């Protein structure tokens, strides 16, 4: 993703986010992709969006708390790096 952002100055990061609804097993409610993995991916994508000043579209399904955790963490880490 980063190499695409570096070489294509007009592209967006795109849709990023968390999904706490799609399950591998409807009985155990095991997520098809673990929430921790989703959160790490979103953190990385959001960091790249800030670094390259590119837009994102947020996707959130039954995961507002974890999404806000990622959002706050990345914005806190990036607050000194963003252009005004």
N, C-alpha and C. Protein backbone atom coordinates (compact mmCIF):
# COMPACT_ATOMS: atom_id res chain seq x y z
N UNK A 1 0.83 -1.20 0.00
CA UNK A 1 0.00 0.00 0.00
C UNK A 1 0.87 1.25 0.00
N UNK A 2 1.91 1.22 0.83
CA UNK A 2 2.74 2.43 0.90
C UNK A 2 3.42 2.73 -0.43
N UNK A 3 3.90 1.72 -1.12
CA UNK A 3 4.56 1.98 -2.41
C UNK A 3 3.57 2.56 -3.42
N UNK A 4 2.32 2.12 -3.37
CA UNK A 4 1.30 2.70 -4.25
C UNK A 4 1.05 4.17 -3.92
N UNK A 5 1.01 4.49 -2.64
CA UNK A 5 0.80 5.88 -2.23
C UNK A 5 1.98 6.75 -2.63
N UNK A 6 3.18 6.19 -2.55
CA UNK A 6 4.38 6.95 -2.92
C UNK A 6 4.42 7.25 -4.41
N UNK A 7 4.00 6.31 -5.22
CA UNK A 7 4.13 6.47 -6.67
C UNK A 7 2.90 7.04 -7.36
N UNK A 8 1.80 7.13 -6.64
CA UNK A 8 0.55 7.65 -7.22
C UNK A 8 -0.02 8.74 -6.32
N UNK A 9 0.39 9.97 -6.52
CA UNK A 9 0.01 11.05 -5.60
C UNK A 9 -1.48 11.40 -5.58
N UNK A 10 -2.25 10.85 -6.51
CA UNK A 10 -3.67 11.22 -6.54
C UNK A 10 -4.60 10.13 -6.00
N UNK A 11 -4.06 9.01 -5.52
CA UNK A 11 -4.94 7.95 -5.03
C UNK A 11 -5.21 8.09 -3.53
N UNK A 12 -6.36 7.60 -3.13
CA UNK A 12 -6.75 7.59 -1.72
C UNK A 12 -6.32 6.27 -1.10
N UNK A 13 -6.27 6.23 0.22
CA UNK A 13 -6.06 4.97 0.91
C UNK A 13 -7.27 4.08 0.68
N UNK A 14 -8.45 4.67 0.71
CA UNK A 14 -9.67 3.93 0.42
C UNK A 14 -10.45 3.58 1.67
N UNK A 15 -11.25 2.54 1.57
CA UNK A 15 -12.11 2.13 2.69
C UNK A 15 -11.30 1.30 3.68
N UNK A 16 -11.34 1.74 4.93
CA UNK A 16 -10.67 1.02 6.02
C UNK A 16 -11.64 0.91 7.18
N UNK A 17 -11.40 -0.05 8.06
CA UNK A 17 -12.27 -0.12 9.23
C UNK A 17 -12.31 -1.46 9.89
N UNK A 18 -13.35 -1.64 10.69
CA UNK A 18 -13.50 -2.83 11.52
C UNK A 18 -14.88 -3.43 11.32
N UNK A 19 -14.92 -4.76 11.35
CA UNK A 19 -16.19 -5.47 11.18
C UNK A 19 -16.30 -6.54 12.26
N UNK A 20 -17.24 -6.37 13.16
CA UNK A 20 -17.45 -7.29 14.28
C UNK A 20 -18.73 -8.09 14.05
N UNK A 21 -19.01 -8.41 12.78
CA UNK A 21 -20.27 -9.06 12.46
C UNK A 21 -20.10 -10.37 11.69
N UNK A 22 -19.11 -10.43 10.81
CA UNK A 22 -18.95 -11.60 9.96
C UNK A 22 -18.18 -12.70 10.69
N UNK A 23 -18.82 -13.84 10.85
CA UNK A 23 -18.28 -14.92 11.65
C UNK A 23 -17.90 -16.13 10.80
N UNK A 24 -16.82 -16.82 11.21
CA UNK A 24 -16.48 -18.12 10.63
C UNK A 24 -17.47 -19.16 11.13
N UNK A 25 -17.82 -19.05 12.41
CA UNK A 25 -18.67 -20.04 13.06
C UNK A 25 -19.80 -19.31 13.79
N UNK A 26 -21.04 -19.42 13.30
CA UNK A 26 -22.15 -18.70 13.92
C UNK A 26 -22.45 -19.15 15.35
N UNK A 27 -22.02 -20.35 15.72
CA UNK A 27 -22.28 -20.85 17.08
C UNK A 27 -21.31 -20.23 18.07
N UNK A 28 -20.00 -20.28 17.76
CA UNK A 28 -19.00 -19.75 18.70
C UNK A 28 -18.81 -18.24 18.54
N UNK A 29 -19.34 -17.68 17.48
CA UNK A 29 -19.19 -16.25 17.16
C UNK A 29 -17.73 -15.86 16.92
N UNK A 30 -16.92 -16.82 16.45
CA UNK A 30 -15.53 -16.54 16.10
C UNK A 30 -15.54 -15.68 14.84
N UNK A 31 -14.86 -14.53 14.91
CA UNK A 31 -14.82 -13.63 13.77
C UNK A 31 -14.02 -14.23 12.63
N UNK A 32 -14.42 -13.91 11.40
CA UNK A 32 -13.68 -14.40 10.24
C UNK A 32 -12.26 -13.83 10.24
N UNK A 33 -12.10 -12.61 10.73
CA UNK A 33 -10.77 -12.02 10.94
C UNK A 33 -10.76 -11.45 12.35
N UNK A 34 -9.82 -11.92 13.15
CA UNK A 34 -9.71 -11.52 14.54
C UNK A 34 -9.69 -9.99 14.67
N UNK A 35 -10.37 -9.47 15.70
CA UNK A 35 -10.47 -8.02 15.89
C UNK A 35 -9.10 -7.39 16.08
N UNK A 36 -8.19 -8.05 16.78
CA UNK A 36 -6.85 -7.48 16.97
C UNK A 36 -6.13 -7.29 15.63
N UNK A 37 -6.28 -8.27 14.74
CA UNK A 37 -5.67 -8.16 13.41
C UNK A 37 -6.31 -7.02 12.63
N UNK A 38 -7.64 -6.91 12.71
CA UNK A 38 -8.33 -5.81 12.03
C UNK A 38 -7.86 -4.46 12.56
N UNK A 39 -7.70 -4.37 13.89
CA UNK A 39 -7.27 -3.11 14.50
C UNK A 39 -5.86 -2.73 14.07
N UNK A 40 -4.96 -3.71 14.01
CA UNK A 40 -3.59 -3.44 13.56
C UNK A 40 -3.57 -2.97 12.10
N UNK A 41 -4.38 -3.62 11.26
CA UNK A 41 -4.45 -3.22 9.85
C UNK A 41 -5.00 -1.80 9.72
N UNK A 42 -6.05 -1.50 10.46
CA UNK A 42 -6.63 -0.15 10.39
C UNK A 42 -5.63 0.89 10.89
N UNK A 43 -4.91 0.56 11.97
CA UNK A 43 -3.91 1.48 12.51
C UNK A 43 -2.85 1.80 11.45
N UNK A 44 -2.37 0.77 10.77
CA UNK A 44 -1.35 0.97 9.74
C UNK A 44 -1.91 1.79 8.57
N UNK A 45 -3.11 1.46 8.11
CA UNK A 45 -3.71 2.18 6.99
C UNK A 45 -3.98 3.64 7.34
N UNK A 46 -4.48 3.89 8.53
CA UNK A 46 -4.76 5.26 8.95
C UNK A 46 -3.46 6.05 9.09
N UNK A 47 -2.41 5.41 9.61
CA UNK A 47 -1.11 6.08 9.72
C UNK A 47 -0.58 6.47 8.34
N UNK A 48 -0.74 5.58 7.37
CA UNK A 48 -0.30 5.91 6.00
C UNK A 48 -1.13 7.05 5.42
N UNK A 49 -2.43 7.04 5.68
CA UNK A 49 -3.29 8.12 5.18
C UNK A 49 -2.84 9.47 5.73
N UNK A 50 -2.47 9.49 6.99
CA UNK A 50 -1.99 10.74 7.60
C UNK A 50 -0.63 11.11 7.03
N UNK A 51 0.27 10.15 6.94
CA UNK A 51 1.62 10.40 6.43
C UNK A 51 1.59 10.99 5.02
N UNK A 52 0.74 10.44 4.16
CA UNK A 52 0.69 10.89 2.76
C UNK A 52 -0.47 11.85 2.49
N UNK A 53 -1.18 12.23 3.55
CA UNK A 53 -2.30 13.17 3.46
C UNK A 53 -3.31 12.72 2.41
N UNK A 54 -3.81 11.50 2.58
CA UNK A 54 -4.76 10.91 1.66
C UNK A 54 -6.07 10.61 2.37
N UNK A 55 -7.18 10.69 1.65
CA UNK A 55 -8.48 10.42 2.27
C UNK A 55 -8.72 8.93 2.52
N UNK A 56 -9.56 8.68 3.51
CA UNK A 56 -10.03 7.33 3.79
C UNK A 56 -11.56 7.38 3.90
N UNK A 57 -12.16 6.25 3.71
CA UNK A 57 -13.58 6.06 3.97
C UNK A 57 -13.67 5.04 5.09
N UNK A 58 -14.32 5.40 6.20
CA UNK A 58 -14.37 4.51 7.35
C UNK A 58 -15.53 3.53 7.26
N UNK A 59 -15.24 2.28 7.61
CA UNK A 59 -16.21 1.19 7.63
C UNK A 59 -16.24 0.65 9.06
N UNK A 60 -17.41 0.67 9.68
CA UNK A 60 -17.51 0.20 11.06
C UNK A 60 -18.81 -0.56 11.25
N UNK A 61 -18.70 -1.85 11.58
CA UNK A 61 -19.87 -2.67 11.83
C UNK A 61 -19.74 -3.27 13.23
N UNK A 62 -20.57 -2.79 14.14
CA UNK A 62 -20.60 -3.28 15.52
C UNK A 62 -19.23 -3.24 16.18
N UNK A 63 -18.47 -2.18 15.92
CA UNK A 63 -17.11 -2.09 16.47
C UNK A 63 -16.71 -0.65 16.77
N UNK A 64 -17.65 0.16 17.23
CA UNK A 64 -17.36 1.57 17.46
C UNK A 64 -16.29 1.78 18.53
N UNK A 65 -16.35 1.01 19.62
CA UNK A 65 -15.35 1.15 20.68
C UNK A 65 -13.94 0.87 20.18
N UNK A 66 -13.71 -0.29 19.56
CA UNK A 66 -12.37 -0.57 19.03
C UNK A 66 -11.94 0.44 17.96
N UNK A 67 -12.89 0.91 17.15
CA UNK A 67 -12.53 1.89 16.12
C UNK A 67 -12.05 3.19 16.76
N UNK A 68 -12.75 3.62 17.79
CA UNK A 68 -12.33 4.86 18.46
C UNK A 68 -10.98 4.69 19.14
N UNK A 69 -10.70 3.49 19.65
CA UNK A 69 -9.38 3.22 20.24
C UNK A 69 -8.28 3.41 19.20
N UNK A 70 -8.47 2.82 18.03
CA UNK A 70 -7.47 2.95 16.96
C UNK A 70 -7.36 4.40 16.52
N UNK A 71 -8.49 5.03 16.28
CA UNK A 71 -8.53 6.42 15.83
C UNK A 71 -7.76 7.32 16.79
N UNK A 72 -8.07 7.21 18.09
CA UNK A 72 -7.41 8.06 19.10
C UNK A 72 -5.92 7.77 19.19
N UNK A 73 -5.53 6.50 19.13
CA UNK A 73 -4.12 6.12 19.20
C UNK A 73 -3.34 6.71 18.04
N UNK A 74 -3.85 6.55 16.84
CA UNK A 74 -3.13 7.03 15.65
C UNK A 74 -3.08 8.56 15.63
N UNK A 75 -4.18 9.19 15.95
CA UNK A 75 -4.18 10.66 15.94
C UNK A 75 -3.25 11.21 17.02
N UNK A 76 -3.20 10.55 18.17
CA UNK A 76 -2.30 10.99 19.24
C UNK A 76 -0.84 10.84 18.79
N UNK A 77 -0.52 9.70 18.17
CA UNK A 77 0.85 9.47 17.70
C UNK A 77 1.24 10.41 16.58
N UNK A 78 0.28 10.82 15.78
CA UNK A 78 0.56 11.63 14.59
C UNK A 78 0.37 13.12 14.80
N UNK A 79 -0.08 13.53 15.98
CA UNK A 79 -0.46 14.93 16.17
C UNK A 79 0.68 15.90 15.88
N UNK A 80 1.90 15.56 16.16
CA UNK A 80 3.00 16.45 15.87
C UNK A 80 3.48 16.37 14.44
N UNK A 81 3.02 15.40 13.70
CA UNK A 81 3.49 15.17 12.33
C UNK A 81 2.57 15.76 11.27
N UNK A 82 1.33 16.10 11.64
CA UNK A 82 0.37 16.57 10.64
C UNK A 82 0.62 18.03 10.29
N UNK A 83 0.43 18.32 9.00
CA UNK A 83 0.54 19.71 8.53
C UNK A 83 -0.75 20.43 8.89
N UNK A 84 -0.61 21.71 9.18
CA UNK A 84 -1.79 22.51 9.52
C UNK A 84 -2.25 23.28 8.32
